[in-house]
């Protein structure tokens, strides 16, 4: 486990690996900073396997392994902020 500074990351949990039966075996967090973070299979990481497609706020430490960002999740919660629409339509004046 990395012992760097604690960071807060907001993003969406996405499937990143599957076992022979097709079950999700690894997940990434697609951060709102447009970077992907592999979730380490330690600490709270295994709990995120059940949250694919969910928006979360995670706190943990980030390390670089094999040219990939890896986050060791210490705690997380669902991000229940209102979603931002992809397209905003303004009324005509």
N, C-alpha and C. Protein backbone atom coordinates (compact mmCIF):
# COMPACT_ATOMS: atom_id res chain seq x y z
N UNK A 1 0.85 -1.17 0.00
CA UNK A 1 0.00 0.00 0.00
C UNK A 1 0.89 1.23 0.00
N UNK A 2 0.49 2.25 -0.76
CA UNK A 2 1.24 3.50 -0.83
C UNK A 2 0.94 4.35 0.39
N UNK A 3 1.91 5.12 0.83
CA UNK A 3 1.71 5.97 2.01
C UNK A 3 1.80 7.44 1.65
N UNK A 4 1.46 7.81 0.44
CA UNK A 4 1.49 9.21 0.01
C UNK A 4 0.38 10.00 0.67
N UNK A 5 0.24 11.26 0.25
CA UNK A 5 -0.81 12.11 0.82
C UNK A 5 -2.21 11.62 0.46
N UNK A 6 -3.14 11.85 1.36
CA UNK A 6 -4.54 11.49 1.13
C UNK A 6 -5.14 12.44 0.11
N UNK A 7 -5.79 11.90 -0.92
CA UNK A 7 -6.43 12.70 -1.95
C UNK A 7 -7.91 12.36 -2.00
N UNK A 8 -8.71 13.28 -2.52
CA UNK A 8 -10.14 13.05 -2.75
C UNK A 8 -10.37 13.04 -4.24
N UNK A 9 -11.05 12.02 -4.72
CA UNK A 9 -11.27 11.82 -6.15
C UNK A 9 -12.76 11.62 -6.40
N UNK A 10 -13.30 12.38 -7.33
CA UNK A 10 -14.69 12.21 -7.75
C UNK A 10 -14.69 11.60 -9.14
N UNK A 11 -15.56 10.61 -9.35
CA UNK A 11 -15.63 9.98 -10.66
C UNK A 11 -16.67 8.88 -10.71
N UNK A 12 -16.58 8.09 -11.76
CA UNK A 12 -17.52 7.01 -12.02
C UNK A 12 -16.76 5.69 -11.98
N UNK A 13 -17.30 4.70 -11.28
CA UNK A 13 -16.69 3.37 -11.23
C UNK A 13 -16.99 2.65 -12.54
N UNK A 14 -15.92 2.17 -13.19
CA UNK A 14 -16.09 1.45 -14.46
C UNK A 14 -15.37 0.10 -14.38
N UNK A 15 -15.96 -0.90 -15.03
CA UNK A 15 -15.35 -2.23 -15.07
C UNK A 15 -14.04 -2.16 -15.85
N UNK A 16 -13.01 -2.86 -15.33
CA UNK A 16 -11.70 -2.84 -15.99
C UNK A 16 -11.11 -4.25 -16.16
N UNK A 17 -11.75 -5.25 -15.58
CA UNK A 17 -11.28 -6.63 -15.71
C UNK A 17 -12.40 -7.59 -15.37
N UNK A 18 -12.35 -8.77 -16.00
CA UNK A 18 -13.39 -9.77 -15.80
C UNK A 18 -12.75 -11.13 -15.57
N UNK A 19 -13.41 -11.97 -14.76
CA UNK A 19 -12.91 -13.32 -14.56
C UNK A 19 -13.42 -14.24 -15.67
N UNK A 20 -13.10 -15.52 -15.60
CA UNK A 20 -13.49 -16.47 -16.66
C UNK A 20 -15.00 -16.64 -16.79
N UNK A 21 -15.74 -16.31 -15.73
CA UNK A 21 -17.21 -16.41 -15.77
C UNK A 21 -17.87 -15.11 -16.20
N UNK A 22 -17.08 -14.07 -16.48
CA UNK A 22 -17.62 -12.80 -16.93
C UNK A 22 -17.96 -11.84 -15.81
N UNK A 23 -17.64 -12.20 -14.57
CA UNK A 23 -17.90 -11.30 -13.44
C UNK A 23 -16.79 -10.25 -13.37
N UNK A 24 -17.15 -9.08 -12.94
CA UNK A 24 -16.17 -7.99 -12.81
C UNK A 24 -15.14 -8.37 -11.73
N UNK A 25 -13.86 -8.29 -12.09
CA UNK A 25 -12.80 -8.64 -11.15
C UNK A 25 -11.87 -7.47 -10.85
N UNK A 26 -12.00 -6.38 -11.61
CA UNK A 26 -11.19 -5.18 -11.37
C UNK A 26 -11.98 -3.97 -11.83
N UNK A 27 -11.80 -2.86 -11.14
CA UNK A 27 -12.49 -1.63 -11.53
C UNK A 27 -11.51 -0.46 -11.54
N UNK A 28 -11.88 0.52 -12.34
CA UNK A 28 -11.19 1.81 -12.38
C UNK A 28 -12.17 2.86 -11.92
N UNK A 29 -11.63 3.99 -11.49
CA UNK A 29 -12.45 5.18 -11.31
C UNK A 29 -12.10 6.10 -12.46
N UNK A 30 -13.09 6.42 -13.28
CA UNK A 30 -12.91 7.40 -14.34
C UNK A 30 -13.15 8.76 -13.69
N UNK A 31 -12.07 9.43 -13.37
CA UNK A 31 -12.17 10.68 -12.63
C UNK A 31 -12.70 11.82 -13.47
N UNK A 32 -13.30 12.78 -12.81
CA UNK A 32 -13.80 13.96 -13.50
C UNK A 32 -12.64 14.81 -14.00
N UNK A 33 -11.40 14.46 -13.61
CA UNK A 33 -10.21 15.14 -14.13
C UNK A 33 -9.75 14.50 -15.44
N UNK A 34 -10.56 13.61 -16.01
CA UNK A 34 -10.33 12.91 -17.28
C UNK A 34 -9.16 11.93 -17.21
N UNK A 35 -8.85 11.43 -16.01
CA UNK A 35 -7.83 10.40 -15.83
C UNK A 35 -8.50 9.15 -15.28
N UNK A 36 -7.88 8.00 -15.56
CA UNK A 36 -8.37 6.74 -15.02
C UNK A 36 -7.46 6.30 -13.89
N UNK A 37 -8.06 5.76 -12.84
CA UNK A 37 -7.34 5.30 -11.67
C UNK A 37 -7.75 3.86 -11.40
N UNK A 38 -6.81 2.92 -11.47
CA UNK A 38 -7.10 1.54 -11.12
C UNK A 38 -7.29 1.45 -9.62
N UNK A 39 -8.36 0.80 -9.20
CA UNK A 39 -8.63 0.64 -7.77
C UNK A 39 -7.85 -0.57 -7.27
N UNK A 40 -6.98 -0.35 -6.28
CA UNK A 40 -6.20 -1.44 -5.70
C UNK A 40 -7.13 -2.42 -5.00
N UNK A 41 -6.77 -3.68 -5.07
CA UNK A 41 -7.58 -4.74 -4.46
C UNK A 41 -7.21 -4.89 -2.98
N UNK A 42 -7.16 -3.76 -2.29
CA UNK A 42 -6.83 -3.71 -0.86
C UNK A 42 -7.78 -2.72 -0.20
N UNK A 43 -7.77 -2.70 1.11
CA UNK A 43 -8.58 -1.77 1.90
C UNK A 43 -10.03 -1.84 1.44
N UNK A 44 -10.60 -0.73 0.97
CA UNK A 44 -12.01 -0.67 0.58
C UNK A 44 -12.22 -1.04 -0.90
N UNK A 45 -11.16 -1.28 -1.63
CA UNK A 45 -11.24 -1.54 -3.07
C UNK A 45 -12.23 -2.62 -3.47
N UNK A 46 -12.21 -3.81 -2.82
CA UNK A 46 -13.13 -4.87 -3.24
C UNK A 46 -14.61 -4.47 -3.16
N UNK A 47 -14.96 -3.56 -2.28
CA UNK A 47 -16.37 -3.14 -2.17
C UNK A 47 -16.83 -2.38 -3.41
N UNK A 48 -15.89 -1.78 -4.13
CA UNK A 48 -16.25 -1.01 -5.32
C UNK A 48 -16.62 -1.90 -6.51
N UNK A 49 -16.30 -3.19 -6.44
CA UNK A 49 -16.65 -4.11 -7.53
C UNK A 49 -18.16 -4.16 -7.75
N UNK A 50 -18.93 -3.86 -6.72
CA UNK A 50 -20.40 -3.92 -6.81
C UNK A 50 -21.01 -2.59 -7.24
N UNK A 51 -20.16 -1.57 -7.48
CA UNK A 51 -20.67 -0.23 -7.76
C UNK A 51 -20.36 0.26 -9.17
N UNK A 52 -20.22 -0.67 -10.11
CA UNK A 52 -19.95 -0.29 -11.50
C UNK A 52 -21.08 0.63 -11.99
N UNK A 53 -20.69 1.70 -12.65
CA UNK A 53 -21.56 2.74 -13.22
C UNK A 53 -22.07 3.74 -12.18
N UNK A 54 -21.62 3.63 -10.94
CA UNK A 54 -22.04 4.57 -9.89
C UNK A 54 -21.04 5.73 -9.80
N UNK A 55 -21.57 6.92 -9.50
CA UNK A 55 -20.73 8.09 -9.25
C UNK A 55 -20.35 8.07 -7.78
N UNK A 56 -19.03 8.22 -7.50
CA UNK A 56 -18.57 8.16 -6.13
C UNK A 56 -17.60 9.29 -5.83
N UNK A 57 -17.38 9.49 -4.54
CA UNK A 57 -16.31 10.35 -4.04
C UNK A 57 -15.45 9.43 -3.19
N UNK A 58 -14.19 9.27 -3.57
CA UNK A 58 -13.28 8.36 -2.87
C UNK A 58 -12.12 9.14 -2.27
N UNK A 59 -11.68 8.69 -1.11
CA UNK A 59 -10.48 9.23 -0.50
C UNK A 59 -9.48 8.11 -0.37
N UNK A 60 -8.24 8.42 -0.71
CA UNK A 60 -7.20 7.41 -0.62
C UNK A 60 -5.86 7.97 -1.05
N UNK A 61 -4.92 7.08 -1.23
CA UNK A 61 -3.60 7.47 -1.69
C UNK A 61 -3.41 6.98 -3.11
N UNK A 62 -2.70 7.75 -3.91
CA UNK A 62 -2.49 7.41 -5.32
C UNK A 62 -1.01 7.12 -5.53
N UNK A 63 -0.74 6.04 -6.25
CA UNK A 63 0.63 5.67 -6.61
C UNK A 63 0.66 5.41 -8.11
N UNK A 64 1.84 5.47 -8.68
CA UNK A 64 2.02 5.14 -10.09
C UNK A 64 2.69 3.78 -10.18
N UNK A 65 2.00 2.83 -10.82
CA UNK A 65 2.54 1.48 -10.99
C UNK A 65 2.40 1.08 -12.45
N UNK A 66 3.51 0.69 -13.06
CA UNK A 66 3.51 0.27 -14.47
C UNK A 66 2.84 1.31 -15.36
N UNK A 67 3.18 2.57 -15.15
CA UNK A 67 2.65 3.71 -15.92
C UNK A 67 1.13 3.82 -15.81
N UNK A 68 0.58 3.43 -14.66
CA UNK A 68 -0.86 3.52 -14.42
C UNK A 68 -1.07 4.11 -13.04
N UNK A 69 -2.04 5.00 -12.92
CA UNK A 69 -2.41 5.54 -11.60
C UNK A 69 -3.21 4.48 -10.86
N UNK A 70 -2.82 4.20 -9.62
CA UNK A 70 -3.51 3.24 -8.78
C UNK A 70 -3.94 3.97 -7.52
N UNK A 71 -5.23 3.83 -7.15
CA UNK A 71 -5.71 4.45 -5.92
C UNK A 71 -6.00 3.36 -4.89
N UNK A 72 -5.47 3.58 -3.69
CA UNK A 72 -5.75 2.73 -2.54
C UNK A 72 -6.85 3.43 -1.76
N UNK A 73 -8.08 2.95 -1.90
CA UNK A 73 -9.25 3.63 -1.35
C UNK A 73 -9.35 3.37 0.15
N UNK A 74 -9.32 4.46 0.92
CA UNK A 74 -9.47 4.37 2.38
C UNK A 74 -10.94 4.48 2.78
N UNK A 75 -11.68 5.32 2.05
CA UNK A 75 -13.13 5.47 2.29
C UNK A 75 -13.76 6.03 1.03
N UNK A 76 -15.05 5.81 0.91
CA UNK A 76 -15.78 6.34 -0.25
C UNK A 76 -17.24 6.51 0.13
N UNK A 77 -17.93 7.28 -0.70
CA UNK A 77 -19.38 7.40 -0.57
C UNK A 77 -19.94 7.67 -1.95
N UNK A 78 -21.22 7.38 -2.11
CA UNK A 78 -21.87 7.69 -3.37
C UNK A 78 -21.95 9.20 -3.53
N UNK A 79 -21.75 9.67 -4.74
CA UNK A 79 -21.83 11.09 -5.05
C UNK A 79 -23.28 11.39 -5.42
N UNK A 80 -24.03 11.92 -4.47
CA UNK A 80 -25.46 12.15 -4.70
C UNK A 80 -25.76 13.58 -5.15
N UNK A 81 -24.73 14.30 -5.63
CA UNK A 81 -24.99 15.62 -6.20
C UNK A 81 -25.86 15.45 -7.44
N UNK A 82 -26.58 16.49 -7.76
CA UNK A 82 -27.41 16.45 -8.96
C UNK A 82 -26.51 16.28 -10.19
N UNK A 83 -26.87 15.39 -11.11
CA UNK A 83 -26.05 15.21 -12.30
C UNK A 83 -26.06 16.47 -13.16
N UNK A 84 -24.94 16.70 -13.81
CA UNK A 84 -24.82 17.84 -14.72
C UNK A 84 -25.29 17.38 -16.09
N UNK A 85 -26.26 18.09 -16.69
CA UNK A 85 -26.74 17.65 -18.00
C UNK A 85 -25.65 17.80 -19.06
N UNK A 86 -25.66 16.90 -20.03
CA UNK A 86 -24.68 16.95 -21.11
C UNK A 86 -24.97 18.12 -22.05
N UNK A 87 -26.24 18.44 -22.20
CA UNK A 87 -26.64 19.53 -23.10
C UNK A 87 -27.61 20.43 -22.34
N UNK A 88 -27.37 21.71 -22.40
CA UNK A 88 -28.26 22.67 -21.76
C UNK A 88 -29.02 23.39 -22.87
N UNK A 89 -30.33 23.40 -22.78
CA UNK A 89 -31.16 24.05 -23.78
C UNK A 89 -31.73 25.33 -23.16
N UNK A 90 -31.44 26.44 -23.79
CA UNK A 90 -31.95 27.72 -23.32
C UNK A 90 -33.22 28.06 -24.08
N UNK A 91 -34.20 28.65 -23.41
CA UNK A 91 -35.42 29.04 -24.11
C UNK A 91 -35.14 30.19 -25.08
N UNK A 92 -35.90 30.22 -26.14
CA UNK A 92 -35.73 31.31 -27.11
C UNK A 92 -36.31 32.58 -26.54
N UNK A 93 -35.66 33.69 -26.83
CA UNK A 93 -36.13 34.99 -26.35
C UNK A 93 -37.10 35.61 -27.30
